[in-house]
Structures are given as structure tokens and as C-alpha cells.
Amino acid sequence: MRGRVGRAAAASWCYLLSSATTPDAEERLAALERSNNGFELAEVDLDLRGEGTILGTRQKGVNDLKLASLRRDRELVGLARDVAFDIVDRDPGLVDHPDIAEEVRFLVDDDDREFLFKN
């Protein structure tokens, strides 16, 4: 909706309607009322939906990281990602990193493994 309401000099109106009466739906509507900042609205949505998963395609709910939050620990997660890519770029089979290979086998099931290698 951003950029679609109030584009000209004339006064504009936007009616927000929802058949859902959940607290999350009410918070989304309240956020739309108080802000036209897309980044702020995305943060509200992230708070309401949850971070989703790292592996797979689920885009809402509790994240599957055990010790970190994608949102709260953004810099740390980015650093861990960079280190992981560096390790895998130099040792794709993790031959020199047997402990990491074992942990990956333990934590990543067949569906997640297929998802990882598909992308």
C-alpha cells in the first residue's frame, strides 16, 4: 500500500478493514495507522510473525537457531555466516573439520539437507 494512498495534493483516505479480530491483526492495523515507514512496519510484522527458520521454507514462527536470534544477534549471525562460508569454500567436504561435519549430520535432517544443496 505504501505509495498508493495520498499521491496527489488532494486529501486522501484509506480504510483498513479486517475480518480477523486477533490481537496480532489489531496490532497490524494499529501499526498501519501510526506509521507510513515500510521498515518500521516490517519490524512490527517480524515481531508478530516471528523469525521463521534458517533451513527450509517456513517463513513464520520460532526460529530454529538454538542460541541466537536473527534479529537481536544480526551482526553475530552475519559473522558466523561469513566464517561458515570461509570454511566450506576451503573444505567443501569438511574433511579437515570432522567435528563440524558430525554436528551438521546430527542437526540437519534429509529434507533440510536437500534444501541446502538445492540453493
Protein backbone atom coordinates (compact mmCIF):
# COMPACT_ATOMS: atom_id res chain seq x y z
CA MET A 1 0.00 0.00 0.00
CA ARG A 2 2.86 2.35 0.62
CA GLY A 3 2.95 5.00 -2.09
CA ARG A 4 -0.58 4.23 -3.26
CA VAL A 5 -2.53 6.49 -0.89
CA GLY A 6 -2.17 10.26 -0.92
CA ARG A 7 -0.02 10.69 -4.02
CA ALA A 8 -1.58 13.97 -5.17
CA ALA A 9 -2.23 17.28 -3.43
CA ALA A 10 -5.88 16.39 -2.66
CA ALA A 11 -6.77 14.85 0.67
CA SER A 12 -6.82 11.07 0.60
CA TRP A 13 -8.47 8.39 2.67
CA CYS A 14 -7.54 4.82 3.36
CA TYR A 15 -9.92 2.44 5.10
CA LEU A 16 -8.32 -0.52 6.83
CA LEU A 17 -10.70 -3.43 7.26
CA SER A 18 -10.13 -6.89 8.62
CA SER A 19 -12.38 -9.80 9.38
CA ALA A 20 -9.77 -11.08 11.84
CA THR A 21 -10.16 -9.91 15.42
CA THR A 22 -6.98 -11.42 16.82
CA PRO A 23 -4.55 -9.32 18.83
CA ASP A 24 -1.99 -9.72 16.00
CA ALA A 25 -4.46 -8.44 13.41
CA GLU A 26 -5.35 -5.48 15.62
CA GLU A 27 -1.65 -4.69 16.15
CA ARG A 28 -1.01 -4.79 12.39
CA LEU A 29 -3.84 -2.35 11.77
CA ALA A 30 -2.65 -0.10 14.60
CA ALA A 31 0.87 -0.12 13.12
CA LEU A 32 -0.52 0.93 9.73
CA GLU A 33 -2.39 3.77 11.44
CA ARG A 34 0.63 5.14 13.26
CA SER A 35 3.33 4.77 10.60
CA ASN A 36 3.92 5.01 6.88
CA ASN A 37 7.52 3.82 7.25
CA GLY A 38 7.87 0.45 5.50
CA PHE A 39 10.91 -0.52 7.58
CA GLU A 40 9.05 0.12 10.83
CA LEU A 41 6.05 -1.86 9.56
CA ALA A 42 8.35 -4.74 8.60
CA GLU A 43 9.78 -4.75 12.15
CA VAL A 44 6.26 -4.90 13.61
CA ASP A 45 5.43 -7.77 11.27
CA LEU A 46 8.64 -9.58 12.26
CA ASP A 47 7.77 -9.16 15.95
CA LEU A 48 4.29 -10.59 15.35
CA ARG A 49 5.17 -13.43 12.97
CA GLY A 50 8.49 -14.50 14.41
CA GLU A 51 11.72 -15.04 12.53
CA GLY A 52 10.91 -18.31 10.82
CA THR A 53 13.50 -20.92 10.05
CA ILE A 54 17.02 -20.83 8.65
CA LEU A 55 16.57 -24.14 6.86
CA GLY A 56 13.50 -24.97 4.83
CA THR A 57 10.72 -22.75 3.64
CA ARG A 58 8.73 -21.90 6.78
CA GLN A 59 8.60 -18.11 6.93
CA LYS A 60 6.94 -17.58 10.27
CA GLY A 61 7.15 -18.84 13.80
CA VAL A 62 10.02 -19.51 16.14
CA ASN A 63 13.44 -19.59 14.53
CA ASP A 64 15.47 -22.77 14.56
CA LEU A 65 18.62 -21.22 15.97
CA LYS A 66 19.27 -22.52 19.47
CA LEU A 67 21.49 -19.78 20.86
CA ALA A 68 20.85 -16.71 18.71
CA SER A 69 18.14 -14.56 17.26
CA LEU A 70 18.36 -13.41 13.66
CA ARG A 71 17.05 -10.05 14.75
CA ARG A 72 18.75 -9.49 18.09
CA ASP A 73 22.11 -11.01 17.08
CA ARG A 74 22.19 -9.84 13.46
CA GLU A 75 25.91 -8.95 13.50
CA LEU A 76 26.93 -12.18 15.23
CA VAL A 77 24.83 -14.29 12.84
CA GLY A 78 26.42 -12.44 9.89
CA LEU A 79 29.90 -13.12 11.25
CA ALA A 80 29.08 -16.81 11.79
CA ARG A 81 27.78 -17.00 8.22
CA ASP A 82 30.99 -15.49 6.86
CA VAL A 83 33.12 -17.94 8.88
CA ALA A 84 30.98 -20.89 7.72
CA PHE A 85 31.34 -19.88 4.07
CA ASP A 86 35.09 -19.48 4.51
CA ILE A 87 35.37 -22.99 6.00
CA VAL A 88 33.16 -24.62 3.35
CA ASP A 89 34.87 -22.74 0.48
CA ARG A 90 38.24 -24.13 1.61
CA ASP A 91 36.96 -27.57 2.68
CA PRO A 92 33.63 -28.42 0.96
CA GLY A 93 33.51 -31.98 2.32
CA LEU A 94 34.57 -30.83 5.80
CA VAL A 95 37.34 -33.42 5.68
CA ASP A 96 39.59 -31.21 7.81
CA HIS A 97 36.71 -30.38 10.14
CA PRO A 98 35.26 -33.74 11.27
CA ASP A 99 33.60 -32.29 14.39
CA ILE A 100 31.67 -29.76 12.28
CA ALA A 101 30.75 -32.47 9.76
CA GLU A 102 29.39 -34.66 12.56
CA GLU A 103 27.39 -31.75 14.01
CA VAL A 104 25.90 -30.98 10.60
CA ARG A 105 24.89 -34.62 10.15
CA PHE A 106 23.30 -34.55 13.61
CA LEU A 107 21.42 -31.27 13.17
CA VAL A 108 20.43 -31.32 9.51
CA ASP A 109 17.82 -33.90 8.51
CA ASP A 110 17.33 -35.21 4.95
CA ASP A 111 14.75 -32.55 4.00
CA ASP A 112 16.97 -29.73 5.26
CA ARG A 113 19.99 -31.23 3.52
CA GLU A 114 18.08 -31.33 0.22
CA PHE A 115 17.02 -27.69 0.76
CA LEU A 116 20.62 -26.64 1.46
CA PHE A 117 22.03 -28.24 -1.65
CA LYS A 118 19.15 -27.08 -3.85
CA ASN A 119 20.04 -23.47 -3.19
